[in-house]
Amino acid sequence: MSIAGGYYKAVEIAAACSCDCVQIFTKNNNQWRAKPMTPEDATLFSAALEKHNIQAPISHVSYLINLGTPDLELWKKSVDAMVVELQRAEHLGLGYAVTHPGAFTCSSEEAGLKAIVRALDEVHKQTPGLKVVTLLENTAGQGSCLGWRFEHLSAIMDKVKDPKRVAVCIDTCHTFAAGYPLETEADYKKTIGELKKTVGLDKVRAVHLNDSKQSLGSRVDRHAHIGRGQMGLEPFRRLLNDSRFAKVPMYIETNKEQENGEEMDVANLRVLRSLIEK
């Protein structure tokens, strides 16, 4: 949700859409610089969460950050930016900050994964005592983006020095676009089985619910409204009724737009809730 006008505004918008949880950016996601936060920001945000009973608030870090880059200058800049992101999330009392692992660009998959581990270790070294946990989000695998295989996420978590400060956010669109099938019951069981074997379901702390505009295995990251993309409704029905994820907060990341005067966030929520078995 947008934080225009104040962080608490995002909570009010979420409440108006009948959301149970909310994800925000703590700064402009396409800029390096960040406006300083004030004690009042945190106070108003916390009060709004309590007033509207919005649970599990989390943040998503800037899209400019690339912890897997071989470019040392960009790597250092990304580490510095990640430190700021975690500090801002902590200031607001958030439990998690979601980040895309990174892209190896002109190096290699192996080198990129090692760069991400080094980056997270450095970020943790610079932020001792913070409670906020970094959630590595699986990606669609566009270009040289890492994290499209569950094994990438597992490899990073296995090698960081402080694994308690790292967990995972699973995006349904990215999972599908990366080549993990979800359409049939057998497909769903196989994919979740692979997730369990590599990452571990206990490490999945958040889920992004998005349909995909592109086909299975396209490795193209294009979100669609729920049930209106290539995935259809069945993967969401299975996920929402899977008791193993009953306590995992789930967030929608589809386009902010209206249809027939109704916010699509509201429409998407209505569709998702209709799939939950009573």
C-alpha atoms as a PDB file:
ATOM      1  CA  MET A   1       0.000   0.000   0.000  1.00  0.00           C
ATOM      2  CA  SER A   2       1.087   3.574  -0.696  1.00  0.00           C
ATOM      3  CA  ILE A   3       2.692   5.544   2.142  1.00  0.00           C
ATOM      4  CA  ALA A   4       1.884   8.899   0.492  1.00  0.00           C
ATOM      5  CA  GLY A   5       0.852  11.291   3.248  1.00  0.00           C
ATOM      6  CA  GLY A   6       2.350   9.163   6.004  1.00  0.00           C
ATOM      7  CA  TYR A   7       2.996   5.539   6.887  1.00  0.00           C
ATOM      8  CA  TYR A   8      -0.269   5.351   8.801  1.00  0.00           C
ATOM      9  CA  LYS A   9      -2.104   6.186   5.577  1.00  0.00           C
ATOM     10  CA  ALA A  10      -1.092   2.794   4.160  1.00  0.00           C
ATOM     11  CA  VAL A  11      -2.768   1.129   7.124  1.00  0.00           C
ATOM     12  CA  GLU A  12      -5.932   3.172   6.613  1.00  0.00           C
ATOM     13  CA  ILE A  13      -6.032   2.220   2.935  1.00  0.00           C
ATOM     14  CA  ALA A  14      -5.525  -1.447   3.826  1.00  0.00           C
ATOM     15  CA  ALA A  15      -8.373  -1.247   6.341  1.00  0.00           C
ATOM     16  CA  ALA A  16     -10.647   0.423   3.778  1.00  0.00           C
ATOM     17  CA  CYS A  17      -9.977  -2.532   1.447  1.00  0.00           C
ATOM     18  CA  SER A  18     -10.791  -4.994   4.279  1.00  0.00           C
ATOM     19  CA  CYS A  19      -7.221  -6.295   4.418  1.00  0.00           C
ATOM     20  CA  ASP A  20      -5.979  -8.295   7.389  1.00  0.00           C
ATOM     21  CA  CYS A  21      -2.292  -7.473   6.816  1.00  0.00           C
ATOM     22  CA  VAL A  22      -0.247  -4.887   4.939  1.00  0.00           C
ATOM     23  CA  GLN A  23       3.047  -4.546   3.070  1.00  0.00           C
ATOM     24  CA  ILE A  24       4.681  -1.163   2.518  1.00  0.00           C
ATOM     25  CA  PHE A  25       7.804   0.462   1.134  1.00  0.00           C
ATOM     26  CA  THR A  26       9.500   2.528   3.836  1.00  0.00           C
ATOM     27  CA  LYS A  27      10.833   4.912   1.158  1.00  0.00           C
ATOM     28  CA  ASN A  28      10.573   5.570  -2.564  1.00  0.00           C
ATOM     29  CA  ASN A  29      11.398   2.152  -4.016  1.00  0.00           C
ATOM     30  CA  ASN A  30      13.080   3.604  -7.106  1.00  0.00           C
ATOM     31  CA  GLN A  31      15.419   6.037  -5.333  1.00  0.00           C
ATOM     32  CA  TRP A  32      18.530   5.481  -3.245  1.00  0.00           C
ATOM     33  CA  ARG A  33      17.988   8.385  -0.879  1.00  0.00           C
ATOM     34  CA  ALA A  34      15.441   8.207   1.900  1.00  0.00           C
ATOM     35  CA  LYS A  35      13.612  10.899   3.841  1.00  0.00           C
ATOM     36  CA  PRO A  36      14.523  10.707   7.544  1.00  0.00           C
ATOM     37  CA  MET A  37      11.959   8.970   9.748  1.00  0.00           C
ATOM     38  CA  THR A  38      10.610  10.552  12.923  1.00  0.00           C
ATOM     39  CA  PRO A  39       9.326   9.122  16.214  1.00  0.00           C
ATOM     40  CA  GLU A  40       5.897  10.419  15.180  1.00  0.00           C
ATOM     41  CA  ASP A  41       5.993   8.251  12.036  1.00  0.00           C
ATOM     42  CA  ALA A  42       6.313   5.119  14.157  1.00  0.00           C
ATOM     43  CA  THR A  43       3.749   6.279  16.726  1.00  0.00           C
ATOM     44  CA  LEU A  44       1.069   7.068  14.148  1.00  0.00           C
ATOM     45  CA  PHE A  45       1.781   3.866  12.229  1.00  0.00           C
ATOM     46  CA  SER A  46       1.525   1.715  15.356  1.00  0.00           C
ATOM     47  CA  ALA A  47      -1.673   3.459  16.451  1.00  0.00           C
ATOM     48  CA  ALA A  48      -3.266   2.894  13.043  1.00  0.00           C
ATOM     49  CA  LEU A  49      -2.376  -0.814  13.121  1.00  0.00           C
ATOM     50  CA  GLU A  50      -4.002  -1.181  16.527  1.00  0.00           C
ATOM     51  CA  LYS A  51      -7.057   0.876  15.615  1.00  0.00           C
ATOM     52  CA  HIS A  52      -7.803  -1.122  12.460  1.00  0.00           C
ATOM     53  CA  ASN A  53      -6.522  -4.478  13.752  1.00  0.00           C
ATOM     54  CA  ILE A  54      -4.115  -4.874  10.842  1.00  0.00           C
ATOM     55  CA  GLN A  55      -1.657  -7.680  11.548  1.00  0.00           C
ATOM     56  CA  ALA A  56       1.770  -8.740  10.276  1.00  0.00           C
ATOM     57  CA  PRO A  57       2.958  -5.453   8.701  1.00  0.00           C
ATOM     58  CA  ILE A  58       6.079  -5.967   6.584  1.00  0.00           C
ATOM     59  CA  SER A  59       8.186  -3.909   4.178  1.00  0.00           C
ATOM     60  CA  HIS A  60       9.638  -4.504   0.738  1.00  0.00           C
ATOM     61  CA  VAL A  61      13.068  -3.014   0.122  1.00  0.00           C
ATOM     62  CA  SER A  62      14.091  -0.857  -2.831  1.00  0.00           C
ATOM     63  CA  TYR A  63      14.228  -2.463  -6.259  1.00  0.00           C
ATOM     64  CA  LEU A  64      17.584  -0.731  -6.858  1.00  0.00           C
ATOM     65  CA  ILE A  65      19.372  -2.969  -4.375  1.00  0.00           C
ATOM     66  CA  ASN A  66      21.438  -5.759  -5.970  1.00  0.00           C
ATOM     67  CA  LEU A  67      23.322  -7.847  -3.419  1.00  0.00           C
ATOM     68  CA  GLY A  68      24.507 -10.279  -6.110  1.00  0.00           C
ATOM     69  CA  THR A  69      26.286  -7.809  -8.374  1.00  0.00           C
ATOM     70  CA  PRO A  70      29.989  -8.252  -9.277  1.00  0.00           C
ATOM     71  CA  ASP A  71      30.285  -4.440  -9.435  1.00  0.00           C
ATOM     72  CA  LEU A  72      32.004  -3.633  -6.130  1.00  0.00           C
ATOM     73  CA  GLU A  73      30.746  -0.032  -6.043  1.00  0.00           C
ATOM     74  CA  LEU A  74      27.137  -1.091  -6.603  1.00  0.00           C
ATOM     75  CA  TRP A  75      27.543  -3.970  -4.138  1.00  0.00           C
ATOM     76  CA  LYS A  76      28.711  -1.603  -1.391  1.00  0.00           C
ATOM     77  CA  LYS A  77      25.934   0.848  -2.241  1.00  0.00           C
ATOM     78  CA  SER A  78      23.410  -1.998  -2.063  1.00  0.00           C
ATOM     79  CA  VAL A  79      24.738  -3.159   1.302  1.00  0.00           C
ATOM     80  CA  ASP A  80      24.494   0.379   2.674  1.00  0.00           C
ATOM     81  CA  ALA A  81      20.954   0.708   1.318  1.00  0.00           C
ATOM     82  CA  MET A  82      19.962  -2.644   2.814  1.00  0.00           C
ATOM     83  CA  VAL A  83      21.236  -1.538   6.220  1.00  0.00           C
ATOM     84  CA  VAL A  84      19.042   1.550   5.989  1.00  0.00           C
ATOM     85  CA  GLU A  85      16.048  -0.534   4.909  1.00  0.00           C
ATOM     86  CA  LEU A  86      16.368  -2.809   7.944  1.00  0.00           C
ATOM     87  CA  GLN A  87      16.815   0.141  10.282  1.00  0.00           C
ATOM     88  CA  ARG A  88      13.689   1.801   8.899  1.00  0.00           C
ATOM     89  CA  ALA A  89      11.692  -1.421   9.192  1.00  0.00           C
ATOM     90  CA  GLU A  90      12.867  -1.778  12.785  1.00  0.00           C
ATOM     91  CA  HIS A  91      11.905   1.832  13.514  1.00  0.00           C
ATOM     92  CA  LEU A  92       8.338   1.057  12.451  1.00  0.00           C
ATOM     93  CA  GLY A  93       8.259  -2.166  14.445  1.00  0.00           C
ATOM     94  CA  LEU A  94       8.047  -4.437  11.405  1.00  0.00           C
ATOM     95  CA  GLY A  95       8.976  -8.092  11.730  1.00  0.00           C
ATOM     96  CA  TYR A  96      10.206  -8.651   8.186  1.00  0.00           C
ATOM     97  CA  ALA A  97      11.722  -6.845   5.193  1.00  0.00           C
ATOM     98  CA  VAL A  98      11.364  -8.563   1.811  1.00  0.00           C
ATOM     99  CA  THR A  99      14.149  -8.378  -0.759  1.00  0.00           C
ATOM    100  CA  HIS A 100      14.887  -9.946  -4.126  1.00  0.00           C
ATOM    101  CA  PRO A 101      18.175 -11.867  -3.681  1.00  0.00           C
ATOM    102  CA  GLY A 102      19.999 -10.135  -6.530  1.00  0.00           C
ATOM    103  CA  ALA A 103      21.305 -10.592 -10.072  1.00  0.00           C
ATOM    104  CA  PHE A 104      24.759 -11.834 -11.060  1.00  0.00           C
ATOM    105  CA  THR A 105      24.782  -9.751 -14.308  1.00  0.00           C
ATOM    106  CA  CYS A 106      28.155 -10.418 -16.009  1.00  0.00           C
ATOM    107  CA  SER A 107      29.556 -12.890 -13.483  1.00  0.00           C
ATOM    108  CA  SER A 108      28.093 -16.335 -12.767  1.00  0.00           C
ATOM    109  CA  GLU A 109      25.337 -17.950 -10.734  1.00  0.00           C
ATOM    110  CA  GLU A 110      27.852 -19.276  -8.225  1.00  0.00           C
ATOM    111  CA  ALA A 111      29.623 -15.925  -7.886  1.00  0.00           C
ATOM    112  CA  GLY A 112      26.288 -14.143  -7.495  1.00  0.00           C
ATOM    113  CA  LEU A 113      25.158 -16.431  -4.687  1.00  0.00           C
ATOM    114  CA  LYS A 114      28.469 -15.941  -2.881  1.00  0.00           C
ATOM    115  CA  ALA A 115      28.130 -12.148  -3.249  1.00  0.00           C
ATOM    116  CA  ILE A 116      24.644 -12.276  -1.708  1.00  0.00           C
ATOM    117  CA  VAL A 117      25.912 -14.273   1.276  1.00  0.00           C
ATOM    118  CA  ARG A 118      28.795 -11.822   1.797  1.00  0.00           C
ATOM    119  CA  ALA A 119      26.376  -8.923   1.537  1.00  0.00           C
ATOM    120  CA  LEU A 120      23.941 -10.323   4.096  1.00  0.00           C
ATOM    121  CA  ASP A 121      26.790 -11.109   6.484  1.00  0.00           C
ATOM    122  CA  GLU A 122      27.996  -7.524   6.174  1.00  0.00           C
ATOM    123  CA  VAL A 123      24.477  -6.139   6.651  1.00  0.00           C
ATOM    124  CA  HIS A 124      24.034  -8.252   9.783  1.00  0.00           C
ATOM    125  CA  LYS A 125      27.445  -7.134  11.070  1.00  0.00           C
ATOM    126  CA  GLN A 126      26.377  -3.499  10.721  1.00  0.00           C
ATOM    127  CA  THR A 127      22.944  -4.016  12.331  1.00  0.00           C
ATOM    128  CA  PRO A 128      23.550  -5.957  15.555  1.00  0.00           C
ATOM    129  CA  GLY A 129      20.556  -6.312  17.811  1.00  0.00           C
ATOM    130  CA  LEU A 130      17.898  -5.641  15.181  1.00  0.00           C
ATOM    131  CA  LYS A 131      14.881  -7.929  15.415  1.00  0.00           C
ATOM    132  CA  VAL A 132      13.696  -7.481  11.822  1.00  0.00           C
ATOM    133  CA  VAL A 133      14.331 -10.536   9.624  1.00  0.00           C
ATOM    134  CA  THR A 134      15.230 -10.360   5.928  1.00  0.00           C
ATOM    135  CA  LEU A 135      12.906 -12.387   3.702  1.00  0.00           C
ATOM    136  CA  LEU A 136      14.484 -13.606   0.480  1.00  0.00           C
ATOM    137  CA  GLU A 137      11.783 -13.545  -2.189  1.00  0.00           C
ATOM    138  CA  ASN A 138      11.846 -16.171  -4.914  1.00  0.00           C
ATOM    139  CA  THR A 139      11.994 -14.595  -8.366  1.00  0.00           C
ATOM    140  CA  ALA A 140      10.708 -15.376 -11.846  1.00  0.00           C
ATOM    141  CA  GLY A 141      14.290 -15.691 -13.074  1.00  0.00           C
ATOM    142  CA  GLN A 142      14.332 -12.852 -15.588  1.00  0.00           C
ATOM    143  CA  GLY A 143      17.766 -12.193 -17.019  1.00  0.00           C
ATOM    144  CA  SER A 144      20.421 -13.098 -14.458  1.00  0.00           C
ATOM    145  CA  CYS A 145      18.150 -12.735 -11.416  1.00  0.00           C
ATOM    146  CA  LEU A 146      18.887 -15.320  -8.745  1.00  0.00           C
ATOM    147  CA  GLY A 147      16.323 -16.918  -6.469  1.00  0.00           C
ATOM    148  CA  TRP A 148      14.166 -18.472  -9.171  1.00  0.00           C
ATOM    149  CA  ARG A 149      15.202 -21.929  -8.017  1.00  0.00           C
ATOM    150  CA  PHE A 150      14.327 -22.921  -4.463  1.00  0.00           C
ATOM    151  CA  GLU A 151      17.877 -24.257  -4.230  1.00  0.00           C
ATOM    152  CA  HIS A 152      19.217 -20.700  -4.584  1.00  0.00           C
ATOM    153  CA  LEU A 153      17.306 -19.585  -1.502  1.00  0.00           C
ATOM    154  CA  SER A 154      18.416 -22.649   0.423  1.00  0.00           C
ATOM    155  CA  ALA A 155      22.062 -22.135  -0.545  1.00  0.00           C
ATOM    156  CA  ILE A 156      22.024 -18.558   0.727  1.00  0.00           C
ATOM    157  CA  MET A 157      20.359 -19.420   4.032  1.00  0.00           C
ATOM    158  CA  ASP A 158      22.698 -22.371   4.592  1.00  0.00           C
ATOM    159  CA  LYS A 159      25.812 -20.206   4.219  1.00  0.00           C
ATOM    160  CA  VAL A 160      25.007 -16.941   6.019  1.00  0.00           C
ATOM    161  CA  LYS A 161      26.689 -16.655   9.405  1.00  0.00           C
ATOM    162  CA  ASP A 162      23.460 -15.730  11.209  1.00  0.00           C
ATOM    163  CA  PRO A 163      20.693 -17.859   9.601  1.00  0.00           C
ATOM    164  CA  LYS A 164      18.130 -16.774  12.211  1.00  0.00           C
ATOM    165  CA  ARG A 165      18.036 -13.360  10.531  1.00  0.00           C
ATOM    166  CA  VAL A 166      17.035 -14.760   7.134  1.00  0.00           C
ATOM    167  CA  ALA A 167      13.872 -16.520   5.960  1.00  0.00           C
ATOM    168  CA  VAL A 168      11.773 -16.685   2.781  1.00  0.00           C
ATOM    169  CA  CYS A 169       8.829 -15.010   1.039  1.00  0.00           C
ATOM    170  CA  ILE A 170       7.213 -17.061  -1.735  1.00  0.00           C
ATOM    171  CA  ASP A 171       5.574 -15.281  -4.661  1.00  0.00           C
ATOM    172  CA  THR A 172       3.025 -17.376  -6.576  1.00  0.00           C
ATOM    173  CA  CYS A 173       3.529 -15.589  -9.913  1.00  0.00           C
ATOM    174  CA  HIS A 174       7.302 -15.928  -9.635  1.00  0.00           C
ATOM    175  CA  THR A 175       7.021 -19.594  -8.675  1.00  0.00           C
ATOM    176  CA  PHE A 176       4.852 -20.340 -11.719  1.00  0.00           C
ATOM    177  CA  ALA A 177       6.921 -18.227 -14.131  1.00  0.00           C
ATOM    178  CA  ALA A 178      10.098 -19.906 -12.872  1.00  0.00           C
ATOM    179  CA  GLY A 179       8.727 -23.262 -14.016  1.00  0.00           C
ATOM    180  CA  TYR A 180       7.163 -24.762 -10.905  1.00  0.00           C
ATOM    181  CA  PRO A 181       3.699 -26.089 -11.904  1.00  0.00           C
ATOM    182  CA  LEU A 182       0.734 -25.475  -9.619  1.00  0.00           C
ATOM    183  CA  GLU A 183      -2.320 -26.193 -11.765  1.00  0.00           C
ATOM    184  CA  THR A 184      -3.264 -29.734 -10.775  1.00  0.00           C
ATOM    185  CA  GLU A 185      -3.300 -31.363  -7.343  1.00  0.00           C
ATOM    186  CA  ALA A 186      -0.304 -33.471  -8.366  1.00  0.00           C
ATOM    187  CA  ASP A 187       1.553 -30.362  -9.614  1.00  0.00           C
ATOM    188  CA  TYR A 188       0.856 -28.506  -6.381  1.00  0.00           C
ATOM    189  CA  LYS A 189       2.011 -31.412  -4.199  1.00  0.00           C
ATOM    190  CA  LYS A 190       5.193 -31.806  -6.218  1.00  0.00           C
ATOM    191  CA  THR A 191       6.087 -28.104  -6.082  1.00  0.00           C
ATOM    192  CA  ILE A 192       5.348 -27.708  -2.380  1.00  0.00           C
ATOM    193  CA  GLY A 193       7.250 -30.932  -1.797  1.00  0.00           C
ATOM    194  CA  GLU A 194      10.312 -29.417  -3.504  1.00  0.00           C
ATOM    195  CA  LEU A 195       9.926 -26.264  -1.423  1.00  0.00           C
ATOM    196  CA  LYS A 196       9.775 -28.338   1.755  1.00  0.00           C
ATOM    197  CA  LYS A 197      12.811 -30.408   0.786  1.00  0.00           C
ATOM    198  CA  THR A 198      15.022 -27.439  -0.127  1.00  0.00           C
ATOM    199  CA  VAL A 199      13.927 -24.376   1.855  1.00  0.00           C
ATOM    200  CA  GLY A 200      11.760 -25.940   4.561  1.00  0.00           C
ATOM    201  CA  LEU A 201       8.152 -24.826   5.068  1.00  0.00           C
ATOM    202  CA  ASP A 202       9.014 -23.391   8.482  1.00  0.00           C
ATOM    203  CA  LYS A 203      11.194 -20.837   6.688  1.00  0.00           C
ATOM    204  CA  VAL A 204       8.272 -19.516   4.624  1.00  0.00           C
ATOM    205  CA  ARG A 205       7.194 -16.454   6.638  1.00  0.00           C
ATOM    206  CA  ALA A 206       5.179 -14.587   3.976  1.00  0.00           C
ATOM    207  CA  VAL A 207       3.467 -15.240   0.649  1.00  0.00           C
ATOM    208  CA  HIS A 208       2.774 -12.871  -2.239  1.00  0.00           C
ATOM    209  CA  LEU A 209      -0.476 -13.838  -3.988  1.00  0.00           C
ATOM    210  CA  ASN A 210      -0.290 -12.916  -7.673  1.00  0.00           C
ATOM    211  CA  ASP A 211      -1.495 -14.515 -10.888  1.00  0.00           C
ATOM    212  CA  SER A 212       0.878 -14.523 -13.865  1.00  0.00           C
ATOM    213  CA  LYS A 213       0.403 -12.802 -17.208  1.00  0.00           C
ATOM    214  CA  GLN A 214       2.996 -15.109 -18.724  1.00  0.00           C
ATOM    215  CA  SER A 215       3.051 -18.878 -19.119  1.00  0.00           C
ATOM    216  CA  LEU A 216       4.589 -21.586 -16.956  1.00  0.00           C
ATOM    217  CA  GLY A 217       8.374 -21.460 -17.158  1.00  0.00           C
ATOM    218  CA  SER A 218       8.422 -18.167 -19.097  1.00  0.00           C
ATOM    219  CA  ARG A 219      10.767 -16.623 -16.518  1.00  0.00           C
ATOM    220  CA  VAL A 220       8.985 -13.321 -17.091  1.00  0.00           C
ATOM    221  CA  ASP A 221       7.806 -11.356 -14.041  1.00  0.00           C
ATOM    222  CA  ARG A 222       4.393  -9.918 -14.923  1.00  0.00           C
ATOM    223  CA  HIS A 223       1.707  -9.987 -12.245  1.00  0.00           C
ATOM    224  CA  ALA A 224      -1.964 -10.441 -13.099  1.00  0.00           C
ATOM    225  CA  HIS A 225      -5.118 -10.104 -11.030  1.00  0.00           C
ATOM    226  CA  ILE A 226      -6.211 -13.256  -9.233  1.00  0.00           C
ATOM    227  CA  GLY A 227      -7.752 -15.785 -11.613  1.00  0.00           C
ATOM    228  CA  ARG A 228      -7.216 -13.578 -14.653  1.00  0.00           C
ATOM    229  CA  GLY A 229      -3.794 -14.829 -15.668  1.00  0.00           C
ATOM    230  CA  GLN A 230      -2.204 -18.056 -16.825  1.00  0.00           C
ATOM    231  CA  MET A 231      -2.475 -19.684 -13.402  1.00  0.00           C
ATOM    232  CA  GLY A 232      -6.243 -19.577 -12.934  1.00  0.00           C
ATOM    233  CA  LEU A 233      -7.948 -20.060  -9.563  1.00  0.00           C
ATOM    234  CA  GLU A 234      -7.025 -23.621  -8.605  1.00  0.00           C
ATOM    235  CA  PRO A 235      -3.462 -22.931  -7.367  1.00  0.00           C
ATOM    236  CA  PHE A 236      -4.837 -20.253  -5.040  1.00  0.00           C
ATOM    237  CA  ARG A 237      -7.625 -22.518  -3.834  1.00  0.00           C
ATOM    238  CA  ARG A 238      -5.090 -25.190  -2.891  1.00  0.00           C
ATOM    239  CA  LEU A 239      -2.718 -22.765  -1.214  1.00  0.00           C
ATOM    240  CA  LEU A 240      -5.425 -21.011   0.809  1.00  0.00           C
ATOM    241  CA  ASN A 241      -6.763 -24.326   2.082  1.00  0.00           C
ATOM    242  CA  ASP A 242      -3.373 -25.838   2.843  1.00  0.00           C
ATOM    243  CA  SER A 243      -3.239 -26.048   6.653  1.00  0.00           C
ATOM    244  CA  ARG A 244       0.566 -25.844   6.556  1.00  0.00           C
ATOM    245  CA  PHE A 245       0.274 -22.192   5.493  1.00  0.00           C
ATOM    246  CA  ALA A 246      -2.727 -21.280   7.656  1.00  0.00           C
ATOM    247  CA  LYS A 247      -0.698 -18.930   9.852  1.00  0.00           C
ATOM    248  CA  VAL A 248       1.492 -17.460   7.115  1.00  0.00           C
ATOM    249  CA  PRO A 249       0.424 -13.896   6.194  1.00  0.00           C
ATOM    250  CA  MET A 250      -0.301 -13.389   2.503  1.00  0.00           C
ATOM    251  CA  TYR A 251      -0.100 -10.149   0.512  1.00  0.00           C
ATOM    252  CA  ILE A 252      -1.418  -9.135  -2.927  1.00  0.00           C
ATOM    253  CA  GLU A 253       0.927  -7.291  -5.305  1.00  0.00           C
ATOM    254  CA  THR A 254      -1.254  -6.558  -8.312  1.00  0.00           C
ATOM    255  CA  ASN A 255      -1.782  -3.298 -10.191  1.00  0.00           C
ATOM    256  CA  LYS A 256      -3.491  -0.502  -8.287  1.00  0.00           C
ATOM    257  CA  GLU A 257      -6.483   0.252 -10.501  1.00  0.00           C
ATOM    258  CA  GLN A 258     -10.258   0.297 -10.525  1.00  0.00           C
ATOM    259  CA  GLU A 259     -12.850  -1.711 -12.400  1.00  0.00           C
ATOM    260  CA  ASN A 260     -16.441  -0.490 -12.486  1.00  0.00           C
ATOM    261  CA  GLY A 261     -15.599   1.928  -9.688  1.00  0.00           C
ATOM    262  CA  GLU A 262     -14.173  -0.782  -7.428  1.00  0.00           C
ATOM    263  CA  GLU A 263     -10.556  -1.017  -6.319  1.00  0.00           C
ATOM    264  CA  MET A 264      -8.988  -4.178  -7.699  1.00  0.00           C
ATOM    265  CA  ASP A 265      -7.439  -4.889  -4.299  1.00  0.00           C
ATOM    266  CA  VAL A 266     -10.995  -5.276  -3.017  1.00  0.00           C
ATOM    267  CA  ALA A 267     -11.992  -7.451  -5.977  1.00  0.00           C
ATOM    268  CA  ASN A 268      -8.904  -9.660  -5.628  1.00  0.00           C
ATOM    269  CA  LEU A 269      -9.519 -10.113  -1.902  1.00  0.00           C
ATOM    270  CA  ARG A 270     -13.137 -11.080  -2.544  1.00  0.00           C
ATOM    271  CA  VAL A 271     -12.077 -13.698  -5.069  1.00  0.00           C
ATOM    272  CA  LEU A 272      -9.400 -15.118  -2.767  1.00  0.00           C
ATOM    273  CA  ARG A 273     -11.710 -15.298   0.235  1.00  0.00           C
ATOM    274  CA  SER A 274     -14.355 -17.055  -1.842  1.00  0.00           C
ATOM    275  CA  LEU A 275     -11.879 -19.889  -2.373  1.00  0.00           C
ATOM    276  CA  ILE A 276     -11.441 -20.622   1.332  1.00  0.00           C
ATOM    277  CA  GLU A 277     -13.356 -23.663   2.447  1.00  0.00           C
ATOM    278  CA  LYS A 278     -15.509 -22.968   5.502  1.00  0.00           C
END
